[in-house]
Amino acid sequence: MTSKQRAYLKSLASVLDPIFQIGKSSLTPEYTEAIREAFNTKELIKLTVLKNCLDEPKEMAQILADRTGSQVVQVIGRKIVLYKPDKDKPKIVLPK
């Protein structure tokens, strides 16, 4: 992903509300599966890491990206943005 594409995705994610919150139980298999299923309807997902979670948000973002086949767009503070294009009908068209 180029820096121009990443900047475009960041601009789209700035208006999104987080759809998942990671708490003290951290990344359970059920939680990872729920995020994987969310990529069936959305291409860009924002998550929040709660203060009671002791894991590092950057590490969690990379683990989630590996497990779900997505890409980390950004990690700012305790917010994570992930992107995974739809294989059949992509809704987000990235600039070249």
PDB file of N, CA and C in Angstrom:
ATOM      1  N   MET A   1       0.841  -1.164   0.000  1.00  0.00           N
ATOM      2  CA  MET A   1       0.000   0.000   0.000  1.00  0.00           C
ATOM      3  C   MET A   1       0.897   1.242   0.000  1.00  0.00           C
ATOM      4  N   THR A   2       0.605   2.167  -0.896  1.00  0.00           N
ATOM      5  CA  THR A   2       1.415   3.382  -0.994  1.00  0.00           C
ATOM      6  C   THR A   2       0.985   4.387   0.075  1.00  0.00           C
ATOM      7  N   SER A   3       1.810   5.393   0.281  1.00  0.00           N
ATOM      8  CA  SER A   3       1.475   6.413   1.278  1.00  0.00           C
ATOM      9  C   SER A   3       0.248   7.212   0.850  1.00  0.00           C
ATOM     10  N   LYS A   4       0.062   7.389  -0.446  1.00  0.00           N
ATOM     11  CA  LYS A   4      -1.107   8.101  -0.955  1.00  0.00           C
ATOM     12  C   LYS A   4      -2.389   7.300  -0.665  1.00  0.00           C
ATOM     13  N   GLN A   5      -2.330   5.993  -0.862  1.00  0.00           N
ATOM     14  CA  GLN A   5      -3.475   5.136  -0.576  1.00  0.00           C
ATOM     15  C   GLN A   5      -3.773   5.112   0.929  1.00  0.00           C
ATOM     16  N   ARG A   6      -2.717   5.035   1.724  1.00  0.00           N
ATOM     17  CA  ARG A   6      -2.882   5.034   3.174  1.00  0.00           C
ATOM     18  C   ARG A   6      -3.515   6.351   3.641  1.00  0.00           C
ATOM     19  N   ALA A   7      -3.070   7.471   3.079  1.00  0.00           N
ATOM     20  CA  ALA A   7      -3.632   8.772   3.448  1.00  0.00           C
ATOM     21  C   ALA A   7      -5.109   8.850   3.076  1.00  0.00           C
ATOM     22  N   TYR A   8      -5.465   8.288   1.929  1.00  0.00           N
ATOM     23  CA  TYR A   8      -6.868   8.268   1.510  1.00  0.00           C
ATOM     24  C   TYR A   8      -7.716   7.449   2.481  1.00  0.00           C
ATOM     25  N   LEU A   9      -7.220   6.291   2.874  1.00  0.00           N
ATOM     26  CA  LEU A   9      -7.950   5.444   3.822  1.00  0.00           C
ATOM     27  C   LEU A   9      -8.060   6.110   5.196  1.00  0.00           C
ATOM     28  N   LYS A  10      -7.011   6.826   5.609  1.00  0.00           N
ATOM     29  CA  LYS A  10      -7.058   7.550   6.878  1.00  0.00           C
ATOM     30  C   LYS A  10      -8.143   8.615   6.846  1.00  0.00           C
ATOM     31  N   SER A  11      -8.275   9.291   5.708  1.00  0.00           N
ATOM     32  CA  SER A  11      -9.300  10.332   5.599  1.00  0.00           C
ATOM     33  C   SER A  11     -10.698   9.724   5.669  1.00  0.00           C
ATOM     34  N   LEU A  12     -10.879   8.543   5.071  1.00  0.00           N
ATOM     35  CA  LEU A  12     -12.170   7.869   5.154  1.00  0.00           C
ATOM     36  C   LEU A  12     -12.457   7.394   6.585  1.00  0.00           C
ATOM     37  N   ALA A  13     -11.427   6.942   7.269  1.00  0.00           N
ATOM     38  CA  ALA A  13     -11.589   6.393   8.616  1.00  0.00           C
ATOM     39  C   ALA A  13     -11.818   7.480   9.658  1.00  0.00           C
ATOM     40  N   SER A  14     -11.446   8.716   9.355  1.00  0.00           N
ATOM     41  CA  SER A  14     -11.571   9.778  10.359  1.00  0.00           C
ATOM     42  C   SER A  14     -13.019  10.023  10.770  1.00  0.00           C
ATOM     43  N   VAL A  15     -13.963   9.741   9.899  1.00  0.00           N
ATOM     44  CA  VAL A  15     -15.381   9.968  10.226  1.00  0.00           C
ATOM     45  C   VAL A  15     -16.078   8.709  10.735  1.00  0.00           C
ATOM     46  N   LEU A  16     -15.381   7.576  10.725  1.00  0.00           N
ATOM     47  CA  LEU A  16     -15.970   6.317  11.192  1.00  0.00           C
ATOM     48  C   LEU A  16     -16.024   6.262  12.712  1.00  0.00           C
ATOM     49  N   ASP A  17     -17.051   5.611  13.216  1.00  0.00           N
ATOM     50  CA  ASP A  17     -17.117   5.298  14.637  1.00  0.00           C
ATOM     51  C   ASP A  17     -16.549   3.896  14.836  1.00  0.00           C
ATOM     52  N   PRO A  18     -15.857   3.664  15.960  1.00  0.00           N
ATOM     53  CA  PRO A  18     -15.348   2.313  16.224  1.00  0.00           C
ATOM     54  C   PRO A  18     -16.501   1.315  16.340  1.00  0.00           C
ATOM     55  N   ILE A  19     -16.354   0.154  15.697  1.00  0.00           N
ATOM     56  CA  ILE A  19     -17.415  -0.854  15.770  1.00  0.00           C
ATOM     57  C   ILE A  19     -17.066  -1.984  16.728  1.00  0.00           C
ATOM     58  N   PHE A  20     -15.820  -2.011  17.201  1.00  0.00           N
ATOM     59  CA  PHE A  20     -15.395  -3.005  18.183  1.00  0.00           C
ATOM     60  C   PHE A  20     -14.579  -2.330  19.269  1.00  0.00           C
ATOM     61  N   GLN A  21     -14.654  -2.897  20.471  1.00  0.00           N
ATOM     62  CA  GLN A  21     -13.837  -2.455  21.588  1.00  0.00           C
ATOM     63  C   GLN A  21     -13.105  -3.664  22.148  1.00  0.00           C
ATOM     64  N   ILE A  22     -11.801  -3.535  22.270  1.00  0.00           N
ATOM     65  CA  ILE A  22     -10.993  -4.615  22.817  1.00  0.00           C
ATOM     66  C   ILE A  22     -10.774  -4.321  24.295  1.00  0.00           C
ATOM     67  N   GLY A  23     -11.213  -5.235  25.144  1.00  0.00           N
ATOM     68  CA  GLY A  23     -11.121  -5.035  26.588  1.00  0.00           C
ATOM     69  C   GLY A  23     -10.050  -5.881  27.232  1.00  0.00           C
ATOM     70  N   LYS A  24     -10.241  -6.155  28.516  1.00  0.00           N
ATOM     71  CA  LYS A  24      -9.209  -6.857  29.285  1.00  0.00           C
ATOM     72  C   LYS A  24      -8.988  -8.299  28.843  1.00  0.00           C
ATOM     73  N   SER A  25      -9.978  -8.895  28.161  1.00  0.00           N
ATOM     74  CA  SER A  25      -9.781 -10.269  27.689  1.00  0.00           C
ATOM     75  C   SER A  25      -8.906 -10.318  26.438  1.00  0.00           C
ATOM     76  N   SER A  26      -8.574  -9.158  25.886  1.00  0.00           N
ATOM     77  CA  SER A  26      -7.687  -9.012  24.734  1.00  0.00           C
ATOM     78  C   SER A  26      -8.239  -9.726  23.503  1.00  0.00           C
ATOM     79  N   LEU A  27      -7.391 -10.364  22.726  1.00  0.00           N
ATOM     80  CA  LEU A  27      -7.801 -10.971  21.456  1.00  0.00           C
ATOM     81  C   LEU A  27      -8.144 -12.444  21.639  1.00  0.00           C
ATOM     82  N   THR A  28      -9.398 -12.719  21.818  1.00  0.00           N
ATOM     83  CA  THR A  28      -9.852 -14.104  21.913  1.00  0.00           C
ATOM     84  C   THR A  28     -10.163 -14.604  20.501  1.00  0.00           C
ATOM     85  N   PRO A  29     -10.206 -15.914  20.298  1.00  0.00           N
ATOM     86  CA  PRO A  29     -10.559 -16.440  18.970  1.00  0.00           C
ATOM     87  C   PRO A  29     -11.943 -15.971  18.511  1.00  0.00           C
ATOM     88  N   GLU A  30     -12.881 -15.849  19.448  1.00  0.00           N
ATOM     89  CA  GLU A  30     -14.229 -15.393  19.091  1.00  0.00           C
ATOM     90  C   GLU A  30     -14.205 -13.943  18.610  1.00  0.00           C
ATOM     91  N   TYR A  31     -13.400 -13.143  19.271  1.00  0.00           N
ATOM     92  CA  TYR A  31     -13.287 -11.733  18.893  1.00  0.00           C
ATOM     93  C   TYR A  31     -12.669 -11.596  17.502  1.00  0.00           C
ATOM     94  N   THR A  32     -11.621 -12.359  17.261  1.00  0.00           N
ATOM     95  CA  THR A  32     -10.971 -12.336  15.950  1.00  0.00           C
ATOM     96  C   THR A  32     -11.941 -12.783  14.865  1.00  0.00           C
ATOM     97  N   GLU A  33     -12.748 -13.792  15.139  1.00  0.00           N
ATOM     98  CA  GLU A  33     -13.733 -14.277  14.171  1.00  0.00           C
ATOM     99  C   GLU A  33     -14.796 -13.215  13.900  1.00  0.00           C
ATOM    100  N   ALA A  34     -15.203 -12.487  14.916  1.00  0.00           N
ATOM    101  CA  ALA A  34     -16.199 -11.422  14.735  1.00  0.00           C
ATOM    102  C   ALA A  34     -15.654 -10.318  13.828  1.00  0.00           C
ATOM    103  N   ILE A  35     -14.385  -9.989  13.977  1.00  0.00           N
ATOM    104  CA  ILE A  35     -13.771  -8.980  13.111  1.00  0.00           C
ATOM    105  C   ILE A  35     -13.671  -9.513  11.686  1.00  0.00           C
ATOM    106  N   ARG A  36     -13.298 -10.786  11.542  1.00  0.00           N
ATOM    107  CA  ARG A  36     -13.221 -11.404  10.213  1.00  0.00           C
ATOM    108  C   ARG A  36     -14.589 -11.352   9.523  1.00  0.00           C
ATOM    109  N   GLU A  37     -15.648 -11.613  10.268  1.00  0.00           N
ATOM    110  CA  GLU A  37     -17.003 -11.564   9.705  1.00  0.00           C
ATOM    111  C   GLU A  37     -17.420 -10.138   9.353  1.00  0.00           C
ATOM    112  N   ALA A  38     -16.947  -9.165  10.116  1.00  0.00           N
ATOM    113  CA  ALA A  38     -17.277  -7.765   9.829  1.00  0.00           C
ATOM    114  C   ALA A  38     -16.706  -7.338   8.475  1.00  0.00           C
ATOM    115  N   PHE A  39     -15.603  -7.944   8.077  1.00  0.00           N
ATOM    116  CA  PHE A  39     -15.017  -7.626   6.771  1.00  0.00           C
ATOM    117  C   PHE A  39     -15.881  -8.145   5.622  1.00  0.00           C
ATOM    118  N   ASN A  40     -16.885  -8.971   5.905  1.00  0.00           N
ATOM    119  CA  ASN A  40     -17.809  -9.410   4.857  1.00  0.00           C
ATOM    120  C   ASN A  40     -18.701  -8.270   4.393  1.00  0.00           C
ATOM    121  N   THR A  41     -18.963  -7.303   5.265  1.00  0.00           N
ATOM    122  CA  THR A  41     -19.844  -6.193   4.905  1.00  0.00           C
ATOM    123  C   THR A  41     -19.116  -4.860   4.824  1.00  0.00           C
ATOM    124  N   LYS A  42     -17.986  -4.738   5.483  1.00  0.00           N
ATOM    125  CA  LYS A  42     -17.232  -3.478   5.486  1.00  0.00           C
ATOM    126  C   LYS A  42     -15.806  -3.737   5.023  1.00  0.00           C
ATOM    127  N   GLU A  43     -15.220  -2.733   4.406  1.00  0.00           N
ATOM    128  CA  GLU A  43     -13.824  -2.856   3.983  1.00  0.00           C
ATOM    129  C   GLU A  43     -12.877  -2.123   4.932  1.00  0.00           C
ATOM    130  N   LEU A  44     -13.408  -1.146   5.639  1.00  0.00           N
ATOM    131  CA  LEU A  44     -12.611  -0.327   6.547  1.00  0.00           C
ATOM    132  C   LEU A  44     -13.239  -0.399   7.931  1.00  0.00           C
ATOM    133  N   ILE A  45     -12.453  -0.816   8.914  1.00  0.00           N
ATOM    134  CA  ILE A  45     -12.977  -1.027  10.268  1.00  0.00           C
ATOM    135  C   ILE A  45     -12.113  -0.268  11.271  1.00  0.00           C
ATOM    136  N   LYS A  46     -12.783   0.401  12.184  1.00  0.00           N
ATOM    137  CA  LYS A  46     -12.082   1.093  13.265  1.00  0.00           C
ATOM    138  C   LYS A  46     -12.397   0.389  14.577  1.00  0.00           C
ATOM    139  N   LEU A  47     -11.355   0.182  15.400  1.00  0.00           N
ATOM    140  CA  LEU A  47     -11.491  -0.476  16.696  1.00  0.00           C
ATOM    141  C   LEU A  47     -10.906   0.426  17.780  1.00  0.00           C
ATOM    142  N   THR A  48     -11.389   0.237  18.992  1.00  0.00           N
ATOM    143  CA  THR A  48     -10.851   0.947  20.140  1.00  0.00           C
ATOM    144  C   THR A  48     -10.283  -0.064  21.117  1.00  0.00           C
ATOM    145  N   VAL A  49      -9.094   0.226  21.637  1.00  0.00           N
ATOM    146  CA  VAL A  49      -8.500  -0.603  22.684  1.00  0.00           C
ATOM    147  C   VAL A  49      -8.779   0.114  24.006  1.00  0.00           C
ATOM    148  N   LEU A  50      -9.529  -0.524  24.879  1.00  0.00           N
ATOM    149  CA  LEU A  50      -9.886   0.086  26.157  1.00  0.00           C
ATOM    150  C   LEU A  50      -8.679   0.160  27.089  1.00  0.00           C
ATOM    151  N   LYS A  51      -8.765   1.040  28.060  1.00  0.00           N
ATOM    152  CA  LYS A  51      -7.642   1.248  28.983  1.00  0.00           C
ATOM    153  C   LYS A  51      -7.348   0.039  29.854  1.00  0.00           C
ATOM    154  N   ASN A  52      -8.369  -0.823  30.071  1.00  0.00           N
ATOM    155  CA  ASN A  52      -8.131  -1.994  30.916  1.00  0.00           C
ATOM    156  C   ASN A  52      -7.435  -3.129  30.166  1.00  0.00           C
ATOM    157  N   CYS A  53      -7.179  -2.955  28.878  1.00  0.00           N
ATOM    158  CA  CYS A  53      -6.414  -3.939  28.095  1.00  0.00           C
ATOM    159  C   CYS A  53      -4.933  -3.606  28.244  1.00  0.00           C
ATOM    160  N   LEU A  54      -4.152  -4.572  28.671  1.00  0.00           N
ATOM    161  CA  LEU A  54      -2.741  -4.328  28.953  1.00  0.00           C
ATOM    162  C   LEU A  54      -1.830  -4.500  27.750  1.00  0.00           C
ATOM    163  N   ASP A  55      -2.357  -4.997  26.631  1.00  0.00           N
ATOM    164  CA  ASP A  55      -1.534  -5.221  25.441  1.00  0.00           C
ATOM    165  C   ASP A  55      -1.307  -3.913  24.684  1.00  0.00           C
ATOM    166  N   GLU A  56      -0.214  -3.879  23.927  1.00  0.00           N
ATOM    167  CA  GLU A  56       0.105  -2.720  23.110  1.00  0.00           C
ATOM    168  C   GLU A  56      -0.798  -2.664  21.873  1.00  0.00           C
ATOM    169  N   PRO A  57      -1.433  -1.526  21.591  1.00  0.00           N
ATOM    170  CA  PRO A  57      -2.310  -1.419  20.418  1.00  0.00           C
ATOM    171  C   PRO A  57      -1.605  -1.726  19.092  1.00  0.00           C
ATOM    172  N   LYS A  58      -0.333  -1.316  18.947  1.00  0.00           N
ATOM    173  CA  LYS A  58       0.378  -1.577  17.685  1.00  0.00           C
ATOM    174  C   LYS A  58       0.596  -3.071  17.462  1.00  0.00           C
ATOM    175  N   GLU A  59       0.937  -3.775  18.517  1.00  0.00           N
ATOM    176  CA  GLU A  59       1.125  -5.224  18.412  1.00  0.00           C
ATOM    177  C   GLU A  59      -0.203  -5.920  18.111  1.00  0.00           C
ATOM    178  N   MET A  60      -1.255  -5.463  18.783  1.00  0.00           N
ATOM    179  CA  MET A  60      -2.578  -6.051  18.562  1.00  0.00           C
ATOM    180  C   MET A  60      -3.043  -5.816  17.134  1.00  0.00           C
ATOM    181  N   ALA A  61      -2.771  -4.640  16.605  1.00  0.00           N
ATOM    182  CA  ALA A  61      -3.168  -4.325  15.230  1.00  0.00           C
ATOM    183  C   ALA A  61      -2.491  -5.268  14.246  1.00  0.00           C
ATOM    184  N   GLN A  62      -1.208  -5.529  14.445  1.00  0.00           N
ATOM    185  CA  GLN A  62      -0.480  -6.414  13.542  1.00  0.00           C
ATOM    186  C   GLN A  62      -0.983  -7.850  13.658  1.00  0.00           C
ATOM    187  N   ILE A  63      -1.267  -8.297  14.867  1.00  0.00           N
ATOM    188  CA  ILE A  63      -1.796  -9.651  15.069  1.00  0.00           C
ATOM    189  C   ILE A  63      -3.152  -9.798  14.396  1.00  0.00           C
ATOM    190  N   LEU A  64      -4.019  -8.794  14.577  1.00  0.00           N
ATOM    191  CA  LEU A  64      -5.343  -8.836  13.937  1.00  0.00           C
ATOM    192  C   LEU A  64      -5.221  -8.841  12.420  1.00  0.00           C
ATOM    193  N   ALA A  65      -4.320  -8.031  11.893  1.00  0.00           N
ATOM    194  CA  ALA A  65      -4.123  -7.984  10.442  1.00  0.00           C
ATOM    195  C   ALA A  65      -3.673  -9.343   9.921  1.00  0.00           C
ATOM    196  N   ASP A  66      -2.761  -9.996  10.631  1.00  0.00           N
ATOM    197  CA  ASP A  66      -2.287 -11.318  10.216  1.00  0.00           C
ATOM    198  C   ASP A  66      -3.408 -12.355  10.271  1.00  0.00           C
ATOM    199  N   ARG A  67      -4.195 -12.317  11.334  1.00  0.00           N
ATOM    200  CA  ARG A  67      -5.248 -13.317  11.511  1.00  0.00           C
ATOM    201  C   ARG A  67      -6.436 -13.120  10.573  1.00  0.00           C
ATOM    202  N   THR A  68      -6.714 -11.872  10.186  1.00  0.00           N
ATOM    203  CA  THR A  68      -7.890 -11.599   9.351  1.00  0.00           C
ATOM    204  C   THR A  68      -7.544 -11.390   7.886  1.00  0.00           C
ATOM    205  N   GLY A  69      -6.271 -11.334   7.554  1.00  0.00           N
ATOM    206  CA  GLY A  69      -5.869 -11.107   6.170  1.00  0.00           C
ATOM    207  C   GLY A  69      -6.075  -9.663   5.735  1.00  0.00           C
ATOM    208  N   SER A  70      -6.050  -8.751   6.690  1.00  0.00           N
ATOM    209  CA  SER A  70      -6.252  -7.337   6.380  1.00  0.00           C
ATOM    210  C   SER A  70      -4.928  -6.588   6.479  1.00  0.00           C
ATOM    211  N   GLN A  71      -5.007  -5.253   6.304  1.00  0.00           N
ATOM    212  CA  GLN A  71      -3.827  -4.409   6.409  1.00  0.00           C
ATOM    213  C   GLN A  71      -4.068  -3.349   7.468  1.00  0.00           C
ATOM    214  N   VAL A  72      -3.020  -3.025   8.212  1.00  0.00           N
ATOM    215  CA  VAL A  72      -3.117  -1.963   9.210  1.00  0.00           C
ATOM    216  C   VAL A  72      -2.980  -0.632   8.481  1.00  0.00           C
ATOM    217  N   VAL A  73      -3.996   0.210   8.615  1.00  0.00           N
ATOM    218  CA  VAL A  73      -3.943   1.544   8.004  1.00  0.00           C
ATOM    219  C   VAL A  73      -3.243   2.491   8.962  1.00  0.00           C
ATOM    220  N   GLN A  74      -3.689   2.503  10.220  1.00  0.00           N
ATOM    221  CA  GLN A  74      -3.046   3.355  11.208  1.00  0.00           C
ATOM    222  C   GLN A  74      -3.386   2.898  12.616  1.00  0.00           C
ATOM    223  N   VAL A  75      -2.508   3.272  13.532  1.00  0.00           N
ATOM    224  CA  VAL A  75      -2.758   3.096  14.961  1.00  0.00           C
ATOM    225  C   VAL A  75      -2.427   4.433  15.600  1.00  0.00           C
ATOM    226  N   ILE A  76      -3.460   5.085  16.130  1.00  0.00           N
ATOM    227  CA  ILE A  76      -3.263   6.368  16.812  1.00  0.00           C
ATOM    228  C   ILE A  76      -3.768   6.200  18.237  1.00  0.00           C
ATOM    229  N   GLY A  77      -2.854   6.295  19.174  1.00  0.00           N
ATOM    230  CA  GLY A  77      -3.237   6.114  20.573  1.00  0.00           C
ATOM    231  C   GLY A  77      -3.814   4.725  20.781  1.00  0.00           C
ATOM    232  N   ARG A  78      -5.101   4.672  21.112  1.00  0.00           N
ATOM    233  CA  ARG A  78      -5.764   3.393  21.356  1.00  0.00           C
ATOM    234  C   ARG A  78      -6.796   3.087  20.274  1.00  0.00           C
ATOM    235  N   LYS A  79      -6.659   3.713  19.116  1.00  0.00           N
ATOM    236  CA  LYS A  79      -7.549   3.462  17.978  1.00  0.00           C
ATOM    237  C   LYS A  79      -6.772   2.714  16.891  1.00  0.00           C
ATOM    238  N   ILE A  80      -7.421   1.697  16.327  1.00  0.00           N
ATOM    239  CA  ILE A  80      -6.824   0.885  15.260  1.00  0.00           C
ATOM    240  C   ILE A  80      -7.744   0.945  14.055  1.00  0.00           C
ATOM    241  N   VAL A  81      -7.156   1.144  12.876  1.00  0.00           N
ATOM    242  CA  VAL A  81      -7.932   1.120  11.632  1.00  0.00           C
ATOM    243  C   VAL A  81      -7.362   0.018  10.739  1.00  0.00           C
ATOM    244  N   LEU A  82      -8.237  -0.886  10.300  1.00  0.00           N
ATOM    245  CA  LEU A  82      -7.846  -2.001   9.441  1.00  0.00           C
ATOM    246  C   LEU A  82      -8.592  -1.904   8.108  1.00  0.00           C
ATOM    247  N   TYR A  83      -7.940  -2.349   7.040  1.00  0.00           N
ATOM    248  CA  TYR A  83      -8.538  -2.334   5.706  1.00  0.00           C
ATOM    249  C   TYR A  83      -8.371  -3.690   5.037  1.00  0.00           C
ATOM    250  N   LYS A  84      -9.455  -4.166   4.452  1.00  0.00           N
ATOM    251  CA  LYS A  84      -9.405  -5.394   3.664  1.00  0.00           C
ATOM    252  C   LYS A  84     -10.372  -5.218   2.494  1.00  0.00           C
ATOM    253  N   PRO A  85      -9.844  -5.155   1.265  1.00  0.00           N
ATOM    254  CA  PRO A  85     -10.726  -4.941   0.112  1.00  0.00           C
ATOM    255  C   PRO A  85     -11.622  -6.153  -0.158  1.00  0.00           C
ATOM    256  N   ASP A  86     -12.808  -5.875  -0.626  1.00  0.00           N
ATOM    257  CA  ASP A  86     -13.749  -6.932  -1.019  1.00  0.00           C
ATOM    258  C   ASP A  86     -13.252  -7.514  -2.337  1.00  0.00           C
ATOM    259  N   LYS A  87     -13.137  -8.823  -2.414  1.00  0.00           N
ATOM    260  CA  LYS A  87     -12.592  -9.464  -3.622  1.00  0.00           C
ATOM    261  C   LYS A  87     -13.533  -9.353  -4.818  1.00  0.00           C
ATOM    262  N   ASP A  88     -14.841  -9.425  -4.565  1.00  0.00           N
ATOM    263  CA  ASP A  88     -15.801  -9.413  -5.670  1.00  0.00           C
ATOM    264  C   ASP A  88     -16.190  -8.005  -6.108  1.00  0.00           C
ATOM    265  N   LYS A  89     -16.672  -7.209  -5.167  1.00  0.00           N
ATOM    266  CA  LYS A  89     -17.138  -5.859  -5.482  1.00  0.00           C
ATOM    267  C   LYS A  89     -16.546  -4.860  -4.497  1.00  0.00           C
ATOM    268  N   PRO A  90     -15.330  -4.366  -4.765  1.00  0.00           N
ATOM    269  CA  PRO A  90     -14.748  -3.394  -3.846  1.00  0.00           C
ATOM    270  C   PRO A  90     -15.553  -2.086  -3.828  1.00  0.00           C
ATOM    271  N   LYS A  91     -15.863  -1.603  -2.627  1.00  0.00           N
ATOM    272  CA  LYS A  91     -16.603  -0.351  -2.471  1.00  0.00           C
ATOM    273  C   LYS A  91     -15.651   0.839  -2.435  1.00  0.00           C
ATOM    274  N   ILE A  92     -14.460   0.617  -1.906  1.00  0.00           N
ATOM    275  CA  ILE A  92     -13.466   1.673  -1.814  1.00  0.00           C
ATOM    276  C   ILE A  92     -12.462   1.510  -2.957  1.00  0.00           C
ATOM    277  N   VAL A  93     -12.343   2.540  -3.775  1.00  0.00           N
ATOM    278  CA  VAL A  93     -11.394   2.511  -4.877  1.00  0.00           C
ATOM    279  C   VAL A  93     -10.181   3.334  -4.449  1.00  0.00           C
ATOM    280  N   LEU A  94      -9.035   2.681  -4.339  1.00  0.00           N
ATOM    281  CA  LEU A  94      -7.823   3.347  -3.900  1.00  0.00           C
ATOM    282  C   LEU A  94      -7.185   4.122  -5.042  1.00  0.00           C
ATOM    283  N   PRO A  95      -6.633   5.324  -4.759  1.00  0.00           N
ATOM    284  CA  PRO A  95      -5.903   6.047  -5.802  1.00  0.00           C
ATOM    285  C   PRO A  95      -4.612   5.330  -6.146  1.00  0.00           C
ATOM    286  N   LYS A  96      -4.133   5.530  -7.354  1.00  0.00           N
ATOM    287  CA  LYS A  96      -2.901   4.852  -7.784  1.00  0.00           C
ATOM    288  C   LYS A  96      -1.681   5.656  -7.481  1.00  0.00           C
TER     289      LYS A  96
END
